[in-house]
């Protein structure tokens, strides 16, 4: 049978890893927003209604 102290040590290590993952999750989410950022301005321009004004384009 295993030593009960080693079982608690294993639970402590798992708990520490979970705390670290929880602490780093906002940073990971923000980093992924920058890494996988789509150019929303370009998408907006393609879906915009056409401009039928008579002003010359520059």
PDB file of N, CA and C in Angstrom:
ATOM      1  N   UNK A   1       0.845  -1.192   0.000  1.00  0.00           N
ATOM      2  CA  UNK A   1       0.000   0.000   0.000  1.00  0.00           C
ATOM      3  C   UNK A   1       0.883   1.246   0.000  1.00  0.00           C
ATOM      4  N   UNK A   2       0.445   2.252  -0.726  1.00  0.00           N
ATOM      5  CA  UNK A   2       1.249   3.464  -0.840  1.00  0.00           C
ATOM      6  C   UNK A   2       1.228   4.266   0.455  1.00  0.00           C
ATOM      7  N   UNK A   3       2.230   5.077   0.579  1.00  0.00           N
ATOM      8  CA  UNK A   3       2.316   5.966   1.739  1.00  0.00           C
ATOM      9  C   UNK A   3       1.271   7.072   1.576  1.00  0.00           C
ATOM     10  N   UNK A   4       0.438   7.322   2.593  1.00  0.00           N
ATOM     11  CA  UNK A   4      -0.592   8.369   2.457  1.00  0.00           C
ATOM     12  C   UNK A   4      -0.006   9.750   2.188  1.00  0.00           C
ATOM     13  N   UNK A   5       1.198  10.015   2.657  1.00  0.00           N
ATOM     14  CA  UNK A   5       1.814  11.323   2.426  1.00  0.00           C
ATOM     15  C   UNK A   5       2.106  11.527   0.942  1.00  0.00           C
ATOM     16  N   UNK A   6       2.488  10.470   0.246  1.00  0.00           N
ATOM     17  CA  UNK A   6       2.777  10.618  -1.183  1.00  0.00           C
ATOM     18  C   UNK A   6       1.498  10.871  -1.980  1.00  0.00           C
ATOM     19  N   UNK A   7       0.368  10.302  -1.507  1.00  0.00           N
ATOM     20  CA  UNK A   7      -0.909  10.551  -2.180  1.00  0.00           C
ATOM     21  C   UNK A   7      -1.298  12.014  -2.030  1.00  0.00           C
ATOM     22  N   UNK A   8      -1.138  12.560  -0.809  1.00  0.00           N
ATOM     23  CA  UNK A   8      -1.451  13.972  -0.592  1.00  0.00           C
ATOM     24  C   UNK A   8      -0.486  14.874  -1.351  1.00  0.00           C
ATOM     25  N   UNK A   9       0.762  14.439  -1.497  1.00  0.00           N
ATOM     26  CA  UNK A   9       1.734  15.210  -2.257  1.00  0.00           C
ATOM     27  C   UNK A   9       1.334  15.254  -3.731  1.00  0.00           C
ATOM     28  N   UNK A  10       0.818  14.153  -4.235  1.00  0.00           N
ATOM     29  CA  UNK A  10       0.358  14.107  -5.630  1.00  0.00           C
ATOM     30  C   UNK A  10      -0.843  15.029  -5.831  1.00  0.00           C
ATOM     31  N   UNK A  11      -1.793  15.004  -4.876  1.00  0.00           N
ATOM     32  CA  UNK A  11      -2.939  15.908  -4.959  1.00  0.00           C
ATOM     33  C   UNK A  11      -2.498  17.365  -4.876  1.00  0.00           C
ATOM     34  N   UNK A  12      -1.514  17.639  -4.041  1.00  0.00           N
ATOM     35  CA  UNK A  12      -0.994  19.002  -3.929  1.00  0.00           C
ATOM     36  C   UNK A  12      -0.372  19.477  -5.221  1.00  0.00           C
ATOM     37  N   UNK A  13       0.347  18.581  -5.894  1.00  0.00           N
ATOM     38  CA  UNK A  13       0.976  18.951  -7.157  1.00  0.00           C
ATOM     39  C   UNK A  13      -0.086  19.208  -8.227  1.00  0.00           C
ATOM     40  N   UNK A  14      -1.107  18.350  -8.282  1.00  0.00           N
ATOM     41  CA  UNK A  14      -2.192  18.550  -9.249  1.00  0.00           C
ATOM     42  C   UNK A  14      -2.915  19.863  -8.966  1.00  0.00           C
ATOM     43  N   UNK A  15      -3.160  20.154  -7.685  1.00  0.00           N
ATOM     44  CA  UNK A  15      -3.831  21.394  -7.308  1.00  0.00           C
ATOM     45  C   UNK A  15      -2.993  22.609  -7.689  1.00  0.00           C
ATOM     46  N   UNK A  16      -1.672  22.507  -7.523  1.00  0.00           N
ATOM     47  CA  UNK A  16      -0.783  23.609  -7.901  1.00  0.00           C
ATOM     48  C   UNK A  16      -0.810  23.842  -9.411  1.00  0.00           C
ATOM     49  N   UNK A  17      -0.824  22.767 -10.189  1.00  0.00           N
ATOM     50  CA  UNK A  17      -0.891  22.901 -11.651  1.00  0.00           C
ATOM     51  C   UNK A  17      -2.217  23.531 -12.066  1.00  0.00           C
ATOM     52  N   UNK A  18      -3.311  23.136 -11.415  1.00  0.00           N
ATOM     53  CA  UNK A  18      -4.615  23.722 -11.739  1.00  0.00           C
ATOM     54  C   UNK A  18      -4.663  25.203 -11.377  1.00  0.00           C
ATOM     55  N   UNK A  19      -4.074  25.567 -10.233  1.00  0.00           N
ATOM     56  CA  UNK A  19      -4.028  26.987  -9.855  1.00  0.00           C
ATOM     57  C   UNK A  19      -3.214  27.790 -10.854  1.00  0.00           C
ATOM     58  N   UNK A  20      -2.110  27.225 -11.310  1.00  0.00           N
ATOM     59  CA  UNK A  20      -1.271  27.913 -12.289  1.00  0.00           C
ATOM     60  C   UNK A  20      -2.007  28.083 -13.616  1.00  0.00           C
ATOM     61  N   UNK A  21      -2.725  27.054 -14.044  1.00  0.00           N
ATOM     62  CA  UNK A  21      -3.496  27.148 -15.288  1.00  0.00           C
ATOM     63  C   UNK A  21      -4.606  28.181 -15.165  1.00  0.00           C
ATOM     64  N   UNK A  22      -5.241  28.241 -14.006  1.00  0.00           N
ATOM     65  CA  UNK A  22      -6.300  29.224 -13.796  1.00  0.00           C
ATOM     66  C   UNK A  22      -5.737  30.640 -13.780  1.00  0.00           C
ATOM     67  N   UNK A  23      -4.552  30.810 -13.213  1.00  0.00           N
ATOM     68  CA  UNK A  23      -3.935  32.135 -13.167  1.00  0.00           C
ATOM     69  C   UNK A  23      -3.480  32.587 -14.551  1.00  0.00           C
ATOM     70  N   UNK A  24      -3.053  31.655 -15.387  1.00  0.00           N
ATOM     71  CA  UNK A  24      -2.536  32.020 -16.710  1.00  0.00           C
ATOM     72  C   UNK A  24      -3.600  32.050 -17.793  1.00  0.00           C
ATOM     73  N   UNK A  25      -4.807  31.585 -17.499  1.00  0.00           N
ATOM     74  CA  UNK A  25      -5.832  31.509 -18.542  1.00  0.00           C
ATOM     75  C   UNK A  25      -6.197  32.873 -19.138  1.00  0.00           C
ATOM     76  N   UNK A  26      -6.319  33.968 -18.359  1.00  0.00           N
ATOM     77  CA  UNK A  26      -6.606  35.259 -19.022  1.00  0.00           C
ATOM     78  C   UNK A  26      -5.493  35.690 -19.958  1.00  0.00           C
ATOM     79  N   UNK A  27      -4.252  35.417 -19.587  1.00  0.00           N
ATOM     80  CA  UNK A  27      -3.127  35.780 -20.447  1.00  0.00           C
ATOM     81  C   UNK A  27      -3.165  34.958 -21.729  1.00  0.00           C
ATOM     82  N   UNK A  28      -3.499  33.678 -21.604  1.00  0.00           N
ATOM     83  CA  UNK A  28      -3.578  32.812 -22.786  1.00  0.00           C
ATOM     84  C   UNK A  28      -4.703  33.266 -23.706  1.00  0.00           C
ATOM     85  N   UNK A  29      -5.834  33.661 -23.125  1.00  0.00           N
ATOM     86  CA  UNK A  29      -6.970  34.123 -23.937  1.00  0.00           C
ATOM     87  C   UNK A  29      -6.614  35.417 -24.660  1.00  0.00           C
ATOM     88  N   UNK A  30      -5.996  36.368 -23.958  1.00  0.00           N
ATOM     89  CA  UNK A  30      -5.623  37.628 -24.600  1.00  0.00           C
ATOM     90  C   UNK A  30      -4.573  37.408 -25.683  1.00  0.00           C
ATOM     91  N   UNK A  31      -3.622  36.534 -25.431  1.00  0.00           N
ATOM     92  CA  UNK A  31      -2.600  36.257 -26.440  1.00  0.00           C
ATOM     93  C   UNK A  31      -3.218  35.607 -27.670  1.00  0.00           C
ATOM     94  N   UNK A  32      -4.182  34.722 -27.465  1.00  0.00           N
ATOM     95  CA  UNK A  32      -4.809  34.074 -28.619  1.00  0.00           C
ATOM     96  C   UNK A  32      -5.641  35.066 -29.422  1.00  0.00           C
ATOM     97  N   UNK A  33      -6.204  36.077 -28.760  1.00  0.00           N
ATOM     98  CA  UNK A  33      -6.942  37.099 -29.504  1.00  0.00           C
ATOM     99  C   UNK A  33      -6.011  37.874 -30.426  1.00  0.00           C
ATOM    100  N   UNK A  34      -4.787  38.140 -29.968  1.00  0.00           N
ATOM    101  CA  UNK A  34      -3.842  38.853 -30.817  1.00  0.00           C
ATOM    102  C   UNK A  34      -3.272  37.949 -31.903  1.00  0.00           C
ATOM    103  N   UNK A  35      -3.045  36.685 -31.582  1.00  0.00           N
ATOM    104  CA  UNK A  35      -2.438  35.779 -32.560  1.00  0.00           C
ATOM    105  C   UNK A  35      -3.427  35.442 -33.667  1.00  0.00           C
ATOM    106  N   UNK A  36      -4.673  35.143 -33.294  1.00  0.00           N
ATOM    107  CA  UNK A  36      -5.673  34.732 -34.279  1.00  0.00           C
ATOM    108  C   UNK A  36      -6.600  35.884 -34.652  1.00  0.00           C
ATOM    109  N   UNK A  37      -6.087  37.105 -34.624  1.00  0.00           N
ATOM    110  CA  UNK A  37      -6.901  38.288 -34.899  1.00  0.00           C
ATOM    111  C   UNK A  37      -7.232  38.349 -36.387  1.00  0.00           C
ATOM    112  N   UNK A  38      -8.522  38.463 -36.690  1.00  0.00           N
ATOM    113  CA  UNK A  38      -8.923  38.688 -38.077  1.00  0.00           C
ATOM    114  C   UNK A  38      -9.116  40.187 -38.272  1.00  0.00           C
ATOM    115  N   UNK A  39      -8.847  40.648 -39.450  1.00  0.00           N
ATOM    116  CA  UNK A  39      -8.945  42.078 -39.725  1.00  0.00           C
ATOM    117  C   UNK A  39     -10.417  42.443 -39.884  1.00  0.00           C
ATOM    118  N   UNK A  40     -11.025  42.932 -38.817  1.00  0.00           N
ATOM    119  CA  UNK A  40     -12.461  43.202 -38.833  1.00  0.00           C
ATOM    120  C   UNK A  40     -12.793  44.419 -39.688  1.00  0.00           C
ATOM    121  N   UNK A  41     -11.870  45.349 -39.818  1.00  0.00           N
ATOM    122  CA  UNK A  41     -12.125  46.525 -40.648  1.00  0.00           C
ATOM    123  C   UNK A  41     -12.289  46.113 -42.113  1.00  0.00           C
ATOM    124  N   UNK A  42     -11.477  45.177 -42.556  1.00  0.00           N
ATOM    125  CA  UNK A  42     -11.572  44.714 -43.935  1.00  0.00           C
ATOM    126  C   UNK A  42     -12.894  43.979 -44.177  1.00  0.00           C
ATOM    127  N   UNK A  43     -13.324  43.195 -43.226  1.00  0.00           N
ATOM    128  CA  UNK A  43     -14.601  42.491 -43.348  1.00  0.00           C
ATOM    129  C   UNK A  43     -15.743  43.492 -43.370  1.00  0.00           C
ATOM    130  N   UNK A  44     -15.647  44.536 -42.552  1.00  0.00           N
ATOM    131  CA  UNK A  44     -16.695  45.557 -42.511  1.00  0.00           C
ATOM    132  C   UNK A  44     -16.802  46.265 -43.857  1.00  0.00           C
ATOM    133  N   UNK A  45     -15.680  46.567 -44.485  1.00  0.00           N
ATOM    134  CA  UNK A  45     -15.721  47.285 -45.756  1.00  0.00           C
ATOM    135  C   UNK A  45     -16.335  46.434 -46.862  1.00  0.00           C
ATOM    136  N   UNK A  46     -16.137  45.140 -46.833  1.00  0.00           N
ATOM    137  CA  UNK A  46     -16.714  44.304 -47.887  1.00  0.00           C
ATOM    138  C   UNK A  46     -18.210  44.116 -47.697  1.00  0.00           C
ATOM    139  N   UNK A  47     -18.719  44.204 -46.472  1.00  0.00           N
ATOM    140  CA  UNK A  47     -20.144  44.001 -46.227  1.00  0.00           C
ATOM    141  C   UNK A  47     -20.929  45.318 -46.192  1.00  0.00           C
ATOM    142  N   UNK A  48     -20.236  46.441 -46.341  1.00  0.00           N
ATOM    143  CA  UNK A  48     -20.898  47.739 -46.285  1.00  0.00           C
ATOM    144  C   UNK A  48     -21.735  47.952 -47.544  1.00  0.00           C
ATOM    145  N   UNK A  49     -22.815  48.693 -47.395  1.00  0.00           N
ATOM    146  CA  UNK A  49     -23.661  48.994 -48.562  1.00  0.00           C
ATOM    147  C   UNK A  49     -22.886  49.886 -49.534  1.00  0.00           C
ATOM    148  N   UNK A  50     -23.126  49.732 -50.827  1.00  0.00           N
ATOM    149  CA  UNK A  50     -22.393  50.545 -51.796  1.00  0.00           C
ATOM    150  C   UNK A  50     -22.764  52.025 -51.678  1.00  0.00           C
ATOM    151  N   UNK A  51     -21.783  52.860 -51.943  1.00  0.00           N
ATOM    152  CA  UNK A  51     -21.977  54.304 -51.866  1.00  0.00           C
ATOM    153  C   UNK A  51     -22.257  54.821 -53.280  1.00  0.00           C
ATOM    154  N   UNK A  52     -23.484  55.335 -53.503  1.00  0.00           N
ATOM    155  CA  UNK A  52     -23.876  55.807 -54.825  1.00  0.00           C
ATOM    156  C   UNK A  52     -23.759  57.326 -54.952  1.00  0.00           C
ATOM    157  N   UNK A  53     -22.905  57.947 -54.160  1.00  0.00           N
ATOM    158  CA  UNK A  53     -22.748  59.398 -54.261  1.00  0.00           C
ATOM    159  C   UNK A  53     -21.993  59.747 -55.548  1.00  0.00           C
ATOM    160  N   UNK A  54     -22.167  60.977 -55.981  1.00  0.00           N
ATOM    161  CA  UNK A  54     -21.556  61.422 -57.234  1.00  0.00           C
ATOM    162  C   UNK A  54     -20.207  62.090 -57.019  1.00  0.00           C
ATOM    163  N   UNK A  55     -19.666  61.999 -55.813  1.00  0.00           N
ATOM    164  CA  UNK A  55     -18.358  62.600 -55.552  1.00  0.00           C
ATOM    165  C   UNK A  55     -17.274  61.741 -56.200  1.00  0.00           C
ATOM    166  N   UNK A  56     -16.257  62.392 -56.781  1.00  0.00           N
ATOM    167  CA  UNK A  56     -15.183  61.607 -57.408  1.00  0.00           C
ATOM    168  C   UNK A  56     -14.349  60.874 -56.353  1.00  0.00           C
ATOM    169  N   UNK A  57     -13.887  59.704 -56.733  1.00  0.00           N
ATOM    170  CA  UNK A  57     -13.031  58.931 -55.834  1.00  0.00           C
ATOM    171  C   UNK A  57     -11.618  59.462 -55.894  1.00  0.00           C
ATOM    172  N   UNK A  58     -10.927  59.400 -54.782  1.00  0.00           N
ATOM    173  CA  UNK A  58      -9.531  59.867 -54.757  1.00  0.00           C
ATOM    174  C   UNK A  58      -8.589  58.703 -54.735  1.00  0.00           C
TER     175      UNK A  58
END
